[in-house]
N, C-alpha and C. Protein backbone atom coordinates (compact mmCIF):
# COMPACT_ATOMS: atom_id res chain seq x y z
N MET A 1 119.61 102.68 48.18
CA MET A 1 120.50 101.92 48.60
C MET A 1 120.14 101.88 50.64
N LYS A 2 120.40 100.86 51.04
CA LYS A 2 119.57 101.06 52.25
C LYS A 2 121.16 101.08 53.14
N TYR A 3 121.67 101.35 54.33
CA TYR A 3 122.56 100.97 54.91
C TYR A 3 122.00 101.03 56.49
N TYR A 4 123.03 99.87 56.32
CA TYR A 4 122.35 98.79 57.93
C TYR A 4 123.78 99.52 59.12
N ILE A 5 123.51 99.75 60.24
CA ILE A 5 124.23 99.50 61.86
C ILE A 5 125.31 98.48 61.23
N SER A 6 124.95 97.26 61.66
CA SER A 6 125.45 96.14 61.67
C SER A 6 124.72 95.30 60.44
N PRO A 7 126.02 94.29 59.05
CA PRO A 7 124.79 93.81 58.51
C PRO A 7 124.18 92.98 58.53
N PRO A 8 123.14 92.69 57.55
CA PRO A 8 122.06 91.58 58.16
C PRO A 8 122.68 90.23 57.70
N VAL A 9 122.08 89.03 58.82
CA VAL A 9 123.67 88.01 59.43
C VAL A 9 122.95 87.43 57.73
N ILE A 10 123.57 86.77 57.17
CA ILE A 10 123.43 85.67 55.23
C ILE A 10 124.00 84.69 55.58
N SER A 11 125.18 83.86 56.41
CA SER A 11 125.03 83.21 56.34
C SER A 11 123.84 82.17 56.98
N PRO A 12 124.01 80.64 56.37
CA PRO A 12 123.21 80.08 57.01
C PRO A 12 123.24 79.80 58.17
N LEU A 13 124.74 79.55 59.20
CA LEU A 13 124.54 78.75 59.94
C LEU A 13 124.65 79.88 60.70
N SER A 14 124.72 80.96 61.18
CA SER A 14 124.37 81.85 61.12
C SER A 14 122.75 82.37 61.98
N ARG A 15 122.20 82.19 60.45
CA ARG A 15 120.51 81.81 60.59
C ARG A 15 119.78 80.94 61.72
N LEU A 16 120.21 80.01 61.09
CA LEU A 16 120.00 78.38 62.29
C LEU A 16 120.65 78.18 63.54
N LEU A 17 121.41 78.87 63.98
CA LEU A 17 122.09 79.43 65.62
C LEU A 17 121.02 80.39 66.34
N ALA A 18 120.46 81.40 65.19
CA ALA A 18 119.84 82.41 65.79
C ALA A 18 118.51 82.18 66.31
N THR A 19 117.96 81.06 64.86
CA THR A 19 116.61 80.64 65.31
C THR A 19 116.53 79.69 66.44
N LEU A 20 117.87 79.04 66.88
CA LEU A 20 117.60 77.76 67.86
C LEU A 20 117.46 78.40 68.84
N ALA A 21 118.37 79.90 69.27
CA ALA A 21 118.73 80.59 70.46
C ALA A 21 117.48 80.75 70.62
N ALA A 22 116.58 81.68 69.45
CA ALA A 22 114.92 81.95 69.51
C ALA A 22 114.19 81.25 70.03
N VAL A 23 114.54 80.49 69.88
CA VAL A 23 113.27 79.26 70.19
C VAL A 23 113.30 78.80 71.09
N LEU A 24 115.17 78.10 72.04
CA LEU A 24 114.80 77.57 72.84
C LEU A 24 114.48 78.45 74.44
N SER A 25 114.84 80.48 74.08
CA SER A 25 114.71 80.76 75.16
C SER A 25 112.78 80.78 75.10
N LEU A 26 112.48 81.36 73.83
CA LEU A 26 110.87 81.27 73.87
C LEU A 26 110.05 80.58 74.61
N ILE A 27 110.73 79.26 75.19
CA ILE A 27 110.15 77.63 75.83
C ILE A 27 110.55 77.87 77.15
N GLY A 28 112.39 78.83 77.13
CA GLY A 28 112.31 78.74 78.57
C GLY A 28 111.53 79.85 79.19
N PHE A 29 111.30 81.13 78.47
CA PHE A 29 110.11 81.67 79.19
C PHE A 29 108.94 81.34 79.60
N PHE A 30 108.64 80.03 77.95
CA PHE A 30 107.27 79.80 78.62
C PHE A 30 106.93 78.74 79.59
N PHE A 31 108.08 77.88 80.14
CA PHE A 31 108.06 77.23 81.42
C PHE A 31 108.70 77.89 82.61
N PHE A 32 109.38 79.13 82.33
CA PHE A 32 109.09 80.59 83.44
C PHE A 32 107.94 80.67 84.00
N GLY A 33 107.50 80.94 83.25
CA GLY A 33 105.67 81.18 83.27
C GLY A 33 105.13 80.14 84.13
N LEU A 34 104.41 79.09 83.54
CA LEU A 34 104.13 78.10 84.08
C LEU A 34 104.72 78.12 85.61
N VAL A 35 106.38 77.81 86.04
CA VAL A 35 106.07 77.61 87.47
C VAL A 35 106.00 79.14 88.34
N VAL A 36 105.54 79.97 87.29
CA VAL A 36 105.83 81.17 88.04
C VAL A 36 103.86 80.95 88.64
N ILE A 37 102.97 80.82 87.18
CA ILE A 37 101.53 80.74 87.73
C ILE A 37 101.89 79.58 88.52
N GLY A 38 102.23 78.49 88.77
CA GLY A 38 102.12 77.17 89.35
C GLY A 38 102.23 78.20 91.11
N ILE A 39 103.27 79.06 91.57
CA ILE A 39 103.56 79.15 92.75
C ILE A 39 102.22 79.91 92.98
N LEU A 40 101.77 80.96 91.88
CA LEU A 40 101.40 81.75 92.38
C LEU A 40 99.92 81.22 92.80
N LEU A 41 99.25 80.21 92.56
CA LEU A 41 98.03 79.07 91.82
C LEU A 41 97.91 78.32 93.93
N VAL A 42 99.35 77.95 93.93
CA VAL A 42 99.60 77.48 95.17
C VAL A 42 99.58 78.31 97.01
N GLY A 43 99.92 79.56 96.07
CA GLY A 43 100.42 80.27 97.41
C GLY A 43 98.58 81.20 97.13
N LEU A 44 97.65 80.86 96.35
CA LEU A 44 96.41 81.07 96.45
C LEU A 44 95.21 79.68 97.46
N LEU A 45 96.01 78.68 96.46
CA LEU A 45 94.85 78.10 97.45
C LEU A 45 96.02 77.41 99.18
N ALA A 46 96.46 77.40 99.53
CA ALA A 46 97.09 78.29 100.90
C ALA A 46 96.21 79.21 101.51
N PHE A 47 96.24 80.02 100.72
CA PHE A 47 95.33 81.19 101.70
C PHE A 47 93.73 80.68 101.57
N GLY A 48 93.34 80.37 100.77
CA GLY A 48 91.88 79.80 100.68
C GLY A 48 91.69 78.87 102.03
N LEU A 49 92.52 78.26 101.31
CA LEU A 49 92.96 76.77 102.65
C LEU A 49 92.83 77.53 103.74
N ILE A 50 93.59 78.16 104.78
CA ILE A 50 93.49 78.76 106.05
C ILE A 50 92.37 80.11 106.05
N PHE A 51 91.36 80.68 105.11
CA PHE A 51 90.67 81.56 105.12
C PHE A 51 89.52 81.11 105.44
N TRP A 52 89.57 79.60 105.07
CA TRP A 52 88.16 78.37 105.65
C TRP A 52 88.05 77.94 106.40
N VAL A 53 89.48 77.60 106.67
CA VAL A 53 89.53 76.80 108.19
C VAL A 53 89.51 77.40 109.46
N ARG A 54 89.77 79.58 109.44
CA ARG A 54 89.47 80.20 110.19
C ARG A 54 87.77 80.44 109.99
N SER A 55 87.16 80.71 108.94
CA SER A 55 86.02 80.82 109.14
C SER A 55 85.19 79.83 109.73
N LEU A 56 85.87 78.23 109.08
CA LEU A 56 84.88 77.37 109.62
C LEU A 56 85.07 77.30 111.80
N TRP A 57 86.49 77.56 112.34
CA TRP A 57 86.96 77.71 113.67
C TRP A 57 86.10 78.79 113.95
N GLN A 58 85.96 80.06 113.69
CA GLN A 58 84.62 81.20 114.31
C GLN A 58 83.89 80.45 113.90
N GLY A 59 82.88 80.37 112.55
CA GLY A 59 81.30 80.06 112.87
C GLY A 59 81.07 78.42 113.97
N ARG A 60 82.11 77.98 114.53
CA ARG A 60 81.99 77.04 115.71
C ARG A 60 80.75 77.69 116.60
N LYS A 61 80.01 76.34 117.25
CA LYS A 61 79.32 77.30 118.29
C LYS A 61 79.58 76.75 119.34
N PRO A 62 79.95 77.58 121.08
CA PRO A 62 80.42 77.25 122.00
C PRO A 62 79.97 76.03 123.10
N LEU A 63 81.03 75.58 123.17
CA LEU A 63 80.65 74.78 124.16
C LEU A 63 80.19 75.37 125.34
N ALA A 64 79.52 74.06 126.36
CA ALA A 64 77.89 74.54 127.19
C ALA A 64 79.08 74.72 128.19
N SER A 65 80.08 74.57 128.32
CA SER A 65 80.86 74.71 129.85
C SER A 65 81.32 76.02 129.68
N ALA A 66 81.07 76.72 128.54
CA ALA A 66 81.94 78.27 127.71
C ALA A 66 80.93 79.34 128.12
N ALA A 67 79.61 79.14 127.72
CA ALA A 67 78.36 79.95 128.48
C ALA A 67 77.97 80.56 129.96
N PRO A 68 77.73 81.33 129.95
CA PRO A 68 77.45 81.32 131.48
C PRO A 68 76.63 80.84 131.65
N SER A 69 76.24 80.51 133.13
CA SER A 69 74.93 80.35 133.14
C SER A 69 73.95 81.86 134.83
N GLY A 70 72.88 81.12 134.75
CA GLY A 70 72.69 81.84 135.39
C GLY A 70 71.94 83.97 135.25
N PRO A 71 71.10 84.11 135.80
CA PRO A 71 70.63 85.24 135.70
C PRO A 71 71.81 86.81 133.83
N GLU A 72 72.79 86.88 134.69
CA GLU A 72 73.72 87.55 133.43
C GLU A 72 74.43 87.06 132.43
N GLY A 73 74.23 85.14 132.26
CA GLY A 73 74.15 85.11 131.03
C GLY A 73 73.16 85.12 129.97
N GLN A 74 72.06 85.69 130.43
CA GLN A 74 70.43 86.30 129.15
C GLN A 74 70.96 86.93 128.34
N ARG A 75 70.87 87.16 127.60
CA ARG A 75 71.06 88.18 126.69
C ARG A 75 69.87 89.09 126.66
N GLY A 76 69.45 90.50 126.07
CA GLY A 76 67.93 91.18 125.96
C GLY A 76 67.61 91.25 127.51
N GLU A 77 68.30 91.19 128.54
CA GLU A 77 67.96 91.49 129.60
C GLU A 77 68.42 93.62 129.76
N VAL A 78 67.72 94.12 130.90
CA VAL A 78 67.12 95.30 131.32
C VAL A 78 68.40 95.56 131.98
N ILE A 79 68.90 96.23 132.14
CA ILE A 79 70.35 96.70 133.64
C ILE A 79 69.65 98.15 133.71
N GLU A 80 69.00 97.91 135.29
CA GLU A 80 68.70 99.39 135.67
C GLU A 80 69.82 99.78 136.85
N ALA A 81 70.08 101.17 135.96
CA ALA A 81 71.11 101.52 137.02
C ALA A 81 71.27 102.61 137.48
N GLU A 82 71.70 103.35 138.46
CA GLU A 82 71.60 105.19 138.55
C GLU A 82 72.97 105.75 138.48
N TYR A 83 73.27 106.99 137.81
CA TYR A 83 74.34 107.41 138.31
C TYR A 83 73.94 108.91 137.70
N THR A 84 75.45 110.00 138.17
CA THR A 84 75.69 111.37 139.12
C THR A 84 76.38 111.55 137.63
N VAL A 85 76.24 113.07 136.65
CA VAL A 85 76.98 113.83 135.65
C VAL A 85 77.81 114.94 137.09
N VAL A 86 79.01 113.76 136.69
CA VAL A 86 79.89 114.69 137.20
C VAL A 86 80.66 116.13 136.08
N HIS A 87 80.40 115.75 134.99
CA HIS A 87 81.51 117.26 134.47
C HIS A 87 80.27 117.43 133.76
N ARG A 88 79.91 118.64 132.91
CA ARG A 88 78.92 118.75 131.84
C ARG A 88 79.49 119.15 131.22
N ARG A 89 79.41 119.02 129.77
CA ARG A 89 80.37 119.59 128.63
C ARG A 89 79.44 121.17 128.58
N HIS A 90 80.46 121.95 128.41
CA HIS A 90 79.84 123.65 127.76
C HIS A 90 80.03 123.12 126.12
N GLU A 91 78.58 123.43 125.47
CA GLU A 91 79.23 123.27 123.93
C GLU A 91 78.50 124.85 123.18
């Protein structure tokens, strides 16, 4: 003979109410999951849009007025200088 902590539900009305509560819970959890996934997708879309706009902004060409003119603005030029060693490190 089986012994239960609480006896199993026998009445059809109790079974119907338990089934209805279970179905409503599952539907509620499903829609809650859809809302959470929607929020995550909107956040991911916003992050991607911000990253895309920032990459476009970083990749744009500088304006002609912002570029230095003259010999100091040329790249690849060798600068010659003299220096004096003030302190030599002993190893």
